[in-house]
Protein backbone atom coordinates (compact mmCIF):
# COMPACT_ATOMS: atom_id res chain seq x y z
CA MET A 1 -154.15 -16.18 -109.21
CA ALA A 2 -154.35 -12.58 -110.42
CA GLY A 3 -155.40 -10.32 -107.53
CA ALA A 4 -155.11 -13.10 -104.93
CA ARG A 5 -152.27 -12.93 -102.43
CA PRO A 6 -150.44 -16.28 -101.99
CA ASN A 7 -149.64 -17.61 -98.55
CA ALA A 8 -146.16 -16.81 -97.25
CA LEU A 9 -143.76 -19.66 -96.53
CA ASP A 10 -143.34 -20.65 -92.90
CA LEU A 11 -139.76 -19.43 -92.37
CA PRO A 12 -137.77 -18.06 -89.40
CA LEU A 13 -137.40 -14.63 -91.03
CA PRO A 14 -138.69 -11.19 -90.00
CA TYR A 15 -140.28 -10.66 -93.43
CA PRO A 16 -142.60 -12.78 -95.59
CA VAL A 17 -141.37 -14.86 -98.53
CA TYR A 18 -143.93 -15.89 -101.13
CA ALA A 19 -143.06 -18.68 -103.58
CA ARG A 20 -145.80 -19.76 -105.94
CA ALA A 21 -146.61 -19.78 -109.64
CA GLY A 22 -148.31 -16.50 -110.53
CA ALA A 23 -147.18 -14.69 -107.37
CA ARG A 24 -145.95 -11.73 -109.43
CA HIS A 25 -149.58 -10.79 -110.16
CA ALA A 26 -150.14 -10.11 -106.46
CA ILE A 27 -147.16 -7.78 -105.92
CA GLY A 28 -149.41 -4.73 -105.73
CA GLU A 29 -151.39 -6.18 -102.84
CA ILE A 30 -148.29 -7.61 -101.14
CA ALA A 31 -146.57 -4.20 -101.30
CA ARG A 32 -149.59 -2.40 -99.90
CA LEU A 33 -149.56 -4.75 -96.91
CA ALA A 34 -145.79 -5.12 -96.36
CA ALA A 35 -144.59 -1.64 -97.34
CA PRO A 36 -147.40 0.88 -97.84
CA SER A 37 -146.12 4.08 -99.45
CA HIS A 38 -147.03 7.17 -101.47
CA ARG A 39 -144.56 6.45 -104.30
CA VAL A 40 -143.30 3.21 -105.82
CA ALA A 41 -139.95 3.00 -107.61
CA VAL A 42 -139.60 -0.19 -109.66
CA ILE A 43 -135.93 -0.82 -110.47
CA SER A 44 -135.00 -3.33 -113.16
CA ASP A 45 -132.74 -3.77 -116.19
CA THR A 46 -133.78 -2.97 -119.74
CA VAL A 47 -134.45 -6.61 -120.64
CA VAL A 48 -136.34 -7.69 -117.51
CA GLY A 49 -138.07 -4.32 -117.39
CA ARG A 50 -139.79 -5.08 -120.69
CA LEU A 51 -140.59 -8.67 -119.72
CA HIS A 52 -141.85 -8.11 -116.18
CA GLY A 53 -141.07 -4.66 -114.79
CA GLU A 54 -143.69 -2.79 -116.79
CA SER A 55 -146.54 -5.13 -115.80
CA ILE A 56 -145.49 -4.97 -112.14
CA ALA A 57 -145.35 -1.17 -112.22
CA ALA A 58 -148.85 -1.21 -113.73
CA GLN A 59 -150.18 -2.71 -110.48
CA PHE A 60 -149.67 0.68 -108.79
CA PRO A 61 -151.13 4.16 -109.45
CA ALA A 62 -149.52 5.58 -112.60
CA ASP A 63 -149.08 9.10 -111.23
CA SER A 64 -146.96 7.93 -108.27
CA THR A 65 -145.06 5.01 -109.83
CA ARG A 66 -142.00 4.96 -112.07
CA LEU A 67 -139.91 2.23 -113.68
CA PHE A 68 -136.16 2.89 -113.57
CA THR A 69 -133.92 0.70 -115.74
CA ILE A 70 -130.21 0.15 -116.27
CA PRO A 71 -128.38 -2.02 -118.84
CA PRO A 72 -128.13 -5.72 -117.87
CA GLY A 73 -124.96 -7.38 -116.60
CA GLU A 74 -122.70 -7.71 -113.56
CA GLN A 75 -120.53 -4.90 -114.93
CA GLU A 76 -123.39 -2.51 -114.13
CA LYS A 77 -123.35 -3.25 -110.40
CA THR A 78 -121.15 -0.28 -109.57
CA ARG A 79 -121.05 2.80 -107.39
CA ASP A 80 -121.60 4.89 -110.53
CA ARG A 81 -124.91 3.14 -111.24
CA TRP A 82 -125.86 3.47 -107.56
CA ALA A 83 -125.23 7.24 -107.83
CA GLU A 84 -127.22 7.52 -111.07
CA LEU A 85 -130.20 5.73 -109.58
CA THR A 86 -130.21 7.71 -106.34
CA ASP A 87 -129.94 10.98 -108.31
CA ALA A 88 -132.80 9.85 -110.57
CA LEU A 89 -134.94 9.11 -107.51
CA LEU A 90 -134.21 12.56 -106.09
CA GLU A 91 -135.00 14.26 -109.40
CA TRP A 92 -138.30 12.36 -109.56
CA GLY A 93 -139.20 13.58 -106.08
CA ALA A 94 -138.86 10.34 -104.13
CA GLY A 95 -138.81 10.72 -100.37
CA ARG A 96 -139.03 8.54 -97.31
CA ASP A 97 -142.59 7.67 -98.34
CA THR A 98 -141.23 5.62 -101.28
CA THR A 99 -141.02 1.84 -101.64
CA VAL A 100 -138.42 0.30 -103.95
CA ILE A 101 -139.33 -2.86 -105.86
CA ALA A 102 -136.31 -4.72 -107.24
CA VAL A 103 -137.27 -6.77 -110.30
CA GLY A 104 -134.46 -8.85 -111.77
CA GLY A 105 -131.59 -11.17 -111.06
CA GLY A 106 -128.91 -10.89 -108.42
CA VAL A 107 -127.38 -7.74 -109.94
CA ILE A 108 -130.63 -5.80 -109.66
CA GLY A 109 -131.43 -7.28 -106.26
CA ASP A 110 -128.05 -6.24 -104.87
CA LEU A 111 -127.97 -2.82 -106.53
CA ALA A 112 -131.58 -1.81 -105.93
CA GLY A 113 -131.31 -3.14 -102.39
CA PHE A 114 -128.23 -0.97 -101.81
CA VAL A 115 -130.05 2.04 -103.25
CA ALA A 116 -132.92 1.37 -100.85
CA SER A 117 -130.59 0.87 -97.88
CA THR A 118 -128.84 4.22 -98.39
CA PHE A 119 -131.48 6.55 -99.87
CA MET A 120 -132.50 8.95 -97.10
CA ARG A 121 -130.98 6.40 -94.68
CA GLY A 122 -133.26 3.59 -95.71
CA LEU A 123 -136.35 2.82 -97.76
CA PRO A 124 -138.41 -0.39 -97.76
CA VAL A 125 -137.56 -2.75 -100.60
CA ILE A 126 -139.48 -5.69 -102.02
CA GLN A 127 -137.33 -8.23 -103.80
CA VAL A 128 -138.83 -9.83 -106.93
CA PRO A 129 -136.13 -12.21 -108.24
CA THR A 130 -136.48 -13.27 -111.87
CA THR A 131 -133.56 -15.73 -112.17
CA LEU A 132 -133.28 -19.11 -110.50
CA LEU A 133 -130.04 -18.07 -108.82
CA ALA A 134 -131.60 -14.93 -107.34
CA MET A 135 -134.66 -16.86 -106.20
CA VAL A 136 -132.65 -19.36 -104.16
CA ASP A 137 -129.89 -17.05 -102.96
CA ALA A 138 -129.57 -13.30 -103.52
CA SER A 139 -133.16 -12.28 -102.75
CA VAL A 140 -133.20 -13.78 -99.25
CA GLY A 141 -130.93 -12.68 -96.43
CA GLY A 142 -130.77 -8.90 -96.61
CA LYS A 143 -127.35 -8.49 -98.22
CA THR A 144 -126.98 -5.56 -100.62
CA ALA A 145 -123.81 -4.42 -102.36
CA VAL A 146 -121.97 -3.12 -105.40
CA ASP A 147 -118.69 -4.27 -106.91
CA THR A 148 -115.44 -2.33 -107.08
CA PRO A 149 -112.28 -2.75 -109.19
CA PHE A 150 -110.76 -4.44 -106.12
CA GLY A 151 -113.39 -7.15 -105.79
CA LYS A 152 -117.02 -8.19 -105.72
CA ASN A 153 -119.61 -6.94 -103.21
CA LEU A 154 -117.04 -4.93 -101.24
CA VAL A 155 -119.28 -1.88 -100.69
CA GLY A 156 -122.71 -2.63 -99.30
CA ALA A 157 -125.05 -2.89 -96.34
CA PHE A 158 -127.33 -5.35 -94.59
CA HIS A 159 -130.89 -4.26 -95.37
CA ASN A 160 -133.72 -6.74 -94.99
CA PRO A 161 -136.46 -6.64 -97.60
CA SER A 162 -140.04 -5.96 -96.56
CA ALA A 163 -141.06 -9.00 -98.61
CA VAL A 164 -139.71 -11.42 -101.21
CA VAL A 165 -141.94 -12.53 -104.08
CA ILE A 166 -140.77 -15.60 -106.00
CA ASP A 167 -142.73 -16.61 -109.10
CA PRO A 168 -141.26 -19.69 -110.84
CA GLU A 169 -143.35 -18.95 -113.94
CA VAL A 170 -140.90 -16.23 -114.99
CA LEU A 171 -138.12 -18.82 -115.36
CA VAL A 172 -139.47 -19.77 -118.80
CA THR A 173 -138.11 -16.45 -120.11
CA LEU A 174 -134.51 -17.23 -119.07
CA PRO A 175 -131.77 -18.24 -121.51
CA ALA A 176 -130.77 -21.88 -120.92
CA ASP A 177 -127.31 -21.05 -119.57
CA VAL A 178 -128.69 -18.53 -117.08
CA LEU A 179 -131.30 -21.03 -115.88
CA ARG A 180 -128.65 -23.75 -115.42
CA SER A 181 -126.36 -21.43 -113.49
CA GLY A 182 -128.94 -21.19 -110.72
CA LEU A 183 -128.49 -24.88 -110.00
CA ALA A 184 -125.02 -24.12 -108.61
CA GLU A 185 -126.38 -22.35 -105.53
CA MET A 186 -128.92 -25.14 -105.05
CA ILE A 187 -126.14 -27.74 -105.13
CA LYS A 188 -124.25 -25.57 -102.65
CA HIS A 189 -127.18 -25.58 -100.24
CA GLY A 190 -127.21 -29.36 -100.32
CA VAL A 191 -123.47 -29.56 -99.67
CA ILE A 192 -123.54 -27.18 -96.72
CA ALA A 193 -126.68 -28.40 -94.99
CA ASP A 194 -128.74 -31.29 -96.35
CA PRO A 195 -127.63 -34.50 -98.14
CA SER A 196 -131.23 -35.40 -99.06
CA TYR A 197 -131.73 -32.01 -100.69
CA PHE A 198 -128.40 -32.45 -102.52
CA ASP A 199 -129.71 -35.75 -103.91
CA ALA A 200 -133.03 -34.19 -104.93
CA VAL A 201 -131.26 -31.43 -106.89
CA LEU A 202 -129.00 -34.03 -108.48
CA ARG A 203 -131.99 -36.09 -109.67
CA PHE A 204 -133.45 -33.05 -111.44
CA ALA A 205 -130.24 -31.40 -112.67
CA GLY A 206 -129.87 -33.54 -115.77
CA ALA A 207 -133.41 -32.78 -116.91
CA VAL A 208 -132.82 -29.04 -116.57
CA ARG A 209 -129.49 -29.37 -118.38
CA ASP A 210 -131.08 -31.19 -121.30
CA HIS A 211 -134.52 -29.58 -121.51
CA GLY A 212 -134.40 -26.33 -119.52
CA ALA A 213 -137.81 -25.06 -118.45
CA GLN A 214 -139.38 -27.64 -120.79
CA ALA A 215 -138.18 -30.51 -118.55
CA PRO A 216 -140.94 -32.91 -117.46
CA ASP A 217 -142.78 -31.66 -114.34
CA PHE A 218 -140.54 -28.59 -114.34
CA ALA A 219 -142.99 -26.18 -112.70
CA ALA A 220 -143.89 -28.39 -109.73
CA THR A 221 -140.39 -29.76 -109.16
CA ILE A 222 -138.56 -26.45 -109.43
CA THR A 223 -141.03 -24.81 -107.04
CA THR A 224 -140.40 -27.55 -104.48
CA LEU A 225 -136.63 -27.24 -104.88
CA ILE A 226 -136.70 -23.44 -104.69
CA THR A 227 -138.68 -23.68 -101.46
CA GLY A 228 -136.13 -26.16 -100.09
CA SER A 229 -133.21 -23.86 -100.91
CA VAL A 230 -134.93 -20.82 -99.44
CA ARG A 231 -135.66 -22.77 -96.27
CA ILE A 232 -132.02 -23.83 -95.88
CA LYS A 233 -130.78 -20.29 -96.37
CA ALA A 234 -133.44 -18.82 -94.08
CA GLU A 235 -132.51 -21.18 -91.24
CA VAL A 236 -128.84 -20.22 -91.56
CA VAL A 237 -129.57 -16.49 -91.77
CA ALA A 238 -131.93 -16.65 -88.79
CA GLU A 239 -129.06 -18.00 -86.67
CA ASP A 240 -126.53 -15.41 -87.88
CA SER A 241 -127.97 -12.38 -89.65
CA ARG A 242 -124.67 -10.44 -89.88
CA GLU A 243 -122.29 -13.18 -91.07
CA GLY A 244 -120.33 -13.31 -87.84
CA GLY A 245 -120.27 -17.09 -87.68
CA LEU A 246 -122.58 -19.76 -89.10
CA ARG A 247 -123.73 -17.65 -92.06
CA GLN A 248 -120.23 -17.93 -93.50
CA ILE A 249 -121.04 -21.46 -94.64
CA LEU A 250 -123.14 -19.84 -97.39
CA ASN A 251 -119.82 -18.65 -98.85
CA PHE A 252 -118.70 -22.18 -99.75
CA GLY A 253 -117.25 -21.99 -103.26
CA HIS A 254 -117.36 -18.20 -103.30
CA THR A 255 -113.79 -17.28 -102.32
CA ILE A 256 -112.48 -18.87 -105.50
CA ALA A 257 -115.61 -17.91 -107.48
CA HIS A 258 -115.32 -14.21 -106.68
CA ALA A 259 -111.61 -14.27 -107.46
CA VAL A 260 -112.22 -15.89 -110.86
CA GLU A 261 -114.99 -13.39 -111.62
CA ARG A 262 -112.68 -10.49 -110.81
CA VAL A 263 -109.81 -11.88 -112.92
CA LEU A 264 -112.22 -12.32 -115.85
CA ASN A 265 -113.70 -8.82 -115.40
CA PHE A 266 -117.08 -10.21 -114.28
CA GLU A 267 -117.76 -11.70 -117.73
CA LEU A 268 -118.60 -15.14 -116.29
CA LEU A 269 -122.03 -16.16 -115.04
CA HIS A 270 -121.99 -16.18 -111.24
CA GLY A 271 -123.42 -19.70 -111.03
CA ASP A 272 -120.70 -21.00 -113.36
CA ALA A 273 -118.06 -19.38 -111.15
CA VAL A 274 -119.63 -20.88 -108.01
CA ALA A 275 -119.72 -24.34 -109.63
CA MET A 276 -115.99 -24.35 -110.38
CA GLY A 277 -115.33 -22.65 -107.04
CA MET A 278 -117.07 -25.41 -105.09
CA VAL A 279 -115.02 -28.11 -106.80
CA ALA A 280 -111.80 -26.16 -106.25
CA GLU A 281 -112.54 -25.51 -102.58
CA ALA A 282 -113.54 -29.14 -102.00
CA ARG A 283 -110.12 -30.06 -103.40
CA ILE A 284 -108.52 -27.63 -100.97
CA ALA A 285 -110.52 -29.18 -98.10
CA GLU A 286 -109.30 -32.64 -99.06
CA SER A 287 -105.69 -31.55 -99.51
CA ILE A 288 -105.46 -30.01 -96.02
CA GLY A 289 -107.08 -33.02 -94.39
CA LEU A 290 -110.52 -31.61 -93.58
CA ALA A 291 -112.70 -33.38 -96.12
CA ARG A 292 -113.21 -37.04 -96.81
CA ALA A 293 -111.48 -38.36 -99.90
CA GLY A 294 -113.74 -38.27 -102.93
CA LEU A 295 -115.74 -35.19 -101.94
CA ALA A 296 -114.36 -33.07 -104.78
CA VAL A 297 -115.23 -35.81 -107.28
CA ALA A 298 -118.78 -36.03 -105.93
CA ILE A 299 -119.27 -32.27 -106.23
CA ALA A 300 -117.67 -32.22 -109.68
CA ASP A 301 -120.12 -34.93 -110.77
CA ALA A 302 -123.02 -32.87 -109.44
CA VAL A 303 -122.09 -29.67 -111.26
CA GLU A 304 -121.35 -31.55 -114.47
CA ARG A 305 -124.77 -33.23 -114.33
CA ALA A 306 -126.21 -29.73 -114.21
CA GLY A 307 -124.20 -28.75 -117.28
CA LEU A 308 -121.94 -26.46 -115.26
CA PRO A 309 -118.12 -26.18 -115.39
CA SER A 310 -116.12 -28.16 -112.84
CA ARG A 311 -112.68 -26.73 -113.66
CA LEU A 312 -111.21 -23.25 -113.69
CA PRO A 313 -111.30 -21.61 -117.15
CA PRO A 314 -108.48 -22.77 -119.44
CA GLY A 315 -105.57 -20.36 -119.55
CA ILE A 316 -106.51 -18.47 -116.40
CA SER A 317 -103.53 -17.60 -114.21
CA LEU A 318 -103.61 -19.42 -110.88
CA ASP A 319 -101.36 -16.71 -109.44
CA ASP A 320 -103.90 -14.05 -110.46
CA VAL A 321 -106.75 -16.04 -108.90
CA ILE A 322 -104.84 -16.49 -105.64
CA ALA A 323 -103.94 -12.81 -105.54
CA ALA A 324 -107.58 -11.89 -106.07
CA THR A 325 -108.67 -14.02 -103.08
CA HIS A 326 -106.85 -11.57 -100.82
CA GLY A 327 -109.44 -8.91 -101.70
CA ASP A 328 -112.33 -11.14 -100.66
CA LYS A 329 -114.47 -9.69 -97.87
CA LYS A 330 -113.76 -12.75 -95.70
CA ALA A 331 -109.98 -12.18 -95.79
CA ARG A 332 -108.34 -11.34 -92.48
CA ALA A 333 -104.82 -10.00 -91.85
CA GLY A 334 -104.01 -10.43 -95.55
CA SER A 335 -104.90 -14.13 -95.51
CA ALA A 336 -107.75 -15.61 -97.53
CA ARG A 337 -110.33 -17.59 -95.56
CA TYR A 338 -112.49 -20.40 -96.88
CA SER A 339 -115.75 -21.99 -95.75
CA LEU A 340 -114.96 -25.65 -96.32
CA PRO A 341 -116.99 -28.88 -96.22
CA ARG A 342 -116.04 -32.12 -94.52
CA GLY A 343 -118.65 -34.04 -96.49
CA ILE A 344 -122.04 -33.57 -98.13
CA GLY A 345 -124.15 -31.84 -95.51
CA GLU A 346 -121.30 -31.21 -93.07
CA MET A 347 -119.21 -28.03 -92.85
CA GLU A 348 -116.02 -27.39 -90.88
CA THR A 349 -116.82 -25.27 -87.83
CA ALA A 350 -113.24 -23.95 -87.42
CA ASP A 351 -113.71 -23.43 -83.66
CA GLY A 352 -117.06 -21.75 -84.15
CA LYS A 353 -115.81 -19.30 -86.79
CA TRP A 354 -116.90 -21.38 -89.81
CA ALA A 355 -114.07 -20.09 -92.00
CA VAL A 356 -110.57 -21.54 -92.33
CA ALA A 357 -107.40 -19.62 -93.12
CA VAL A 358 -105.60 -21.38 -95.98
CA SER A 359 -102.16 -20.33 -97.18
CA ASP A 360 -101.47 -19.42 -100.79
CA GLU A 361 -99.09 -22.36 -101.01
CA GLN A 362 -101.79 -24.78 -99.87
CA VAL A 363 -104.25 -23.35 -102.41
CA ARG A 364 -101.70 -23.51 -105.22
CA SER A 365 -100.78 -27.08 -104.35
CA ALA A 366 -104.41 -28.20 -104.25
CA LEU A 367 -105.34 -26.56 -107.55
CA SER A 368 -102.19 -27.09 -109.60
């Protein structure tokens, strides 16, 4: 595989997505075709930088390539880190003839993507996700952002990558809990769009929970499931690139998830927050008469099979969570809005707006 460029997936996107074991070894060639440049800035965190960032940087000329790293963790996805990275690029001499390569999970993808979107009004970026969650969600779609004390992803920009390179081989380096958390977004894709895909994820979730990347047939099965998730997201994004309508269904589970993350100071894995958020929002959908009875139980069963939490953290204040939903980027006129399912594979259209205003009282009643 080394030196050979894999075939891109057939997707309705304006940029290629490669998903194949060993694809990371072809990033140099992919970058030269998708985003030729004089300089290459590889942005990663200190852990992933050692595991993968250094070898990826080595695929480019040493005198015009640099690896920039930050500490790992959601708490690093801030405007301060954005400023530090952009200043470091300027000090290095980066210009408009620079390509950014984001190597890491969703934090690095979002942050490095935002750096690329704003540096000299826009640089090409190649997304190289190294977590399961980033592979199936954050790396595709062109969203970039940083967090603020008022909420998650509130400062950002839409900036499509020049290419996305997904290599499932890197998943063997993930801690078990981080690997499992990626299953939450895969379950979400099944709920919002495809019952058969939901069932396929469910059949494999227990094996990942129990054996991680050592599960039987892990490499082949996870590659197939990653491709299925990417396809679902790509089809949604192709219909609505700026989240004005249909794309909002990708936010299922995220209004509550982002609120919980904020209340807990971003110390919870995003996939864990999404898992409990999906169950909570399915309960809301049932309580206001949108969803079929039993949907919340079915989704709770799915996340529990994956080894993910189905309930809000013990001791968390429901009032604090509800208050935090008002800072969500989907809120309108001070009211939180939710993308809610009617059943597995069927979302509420809400008169073509795909997001439903739900009162605080209705949320509190559903979750109490």
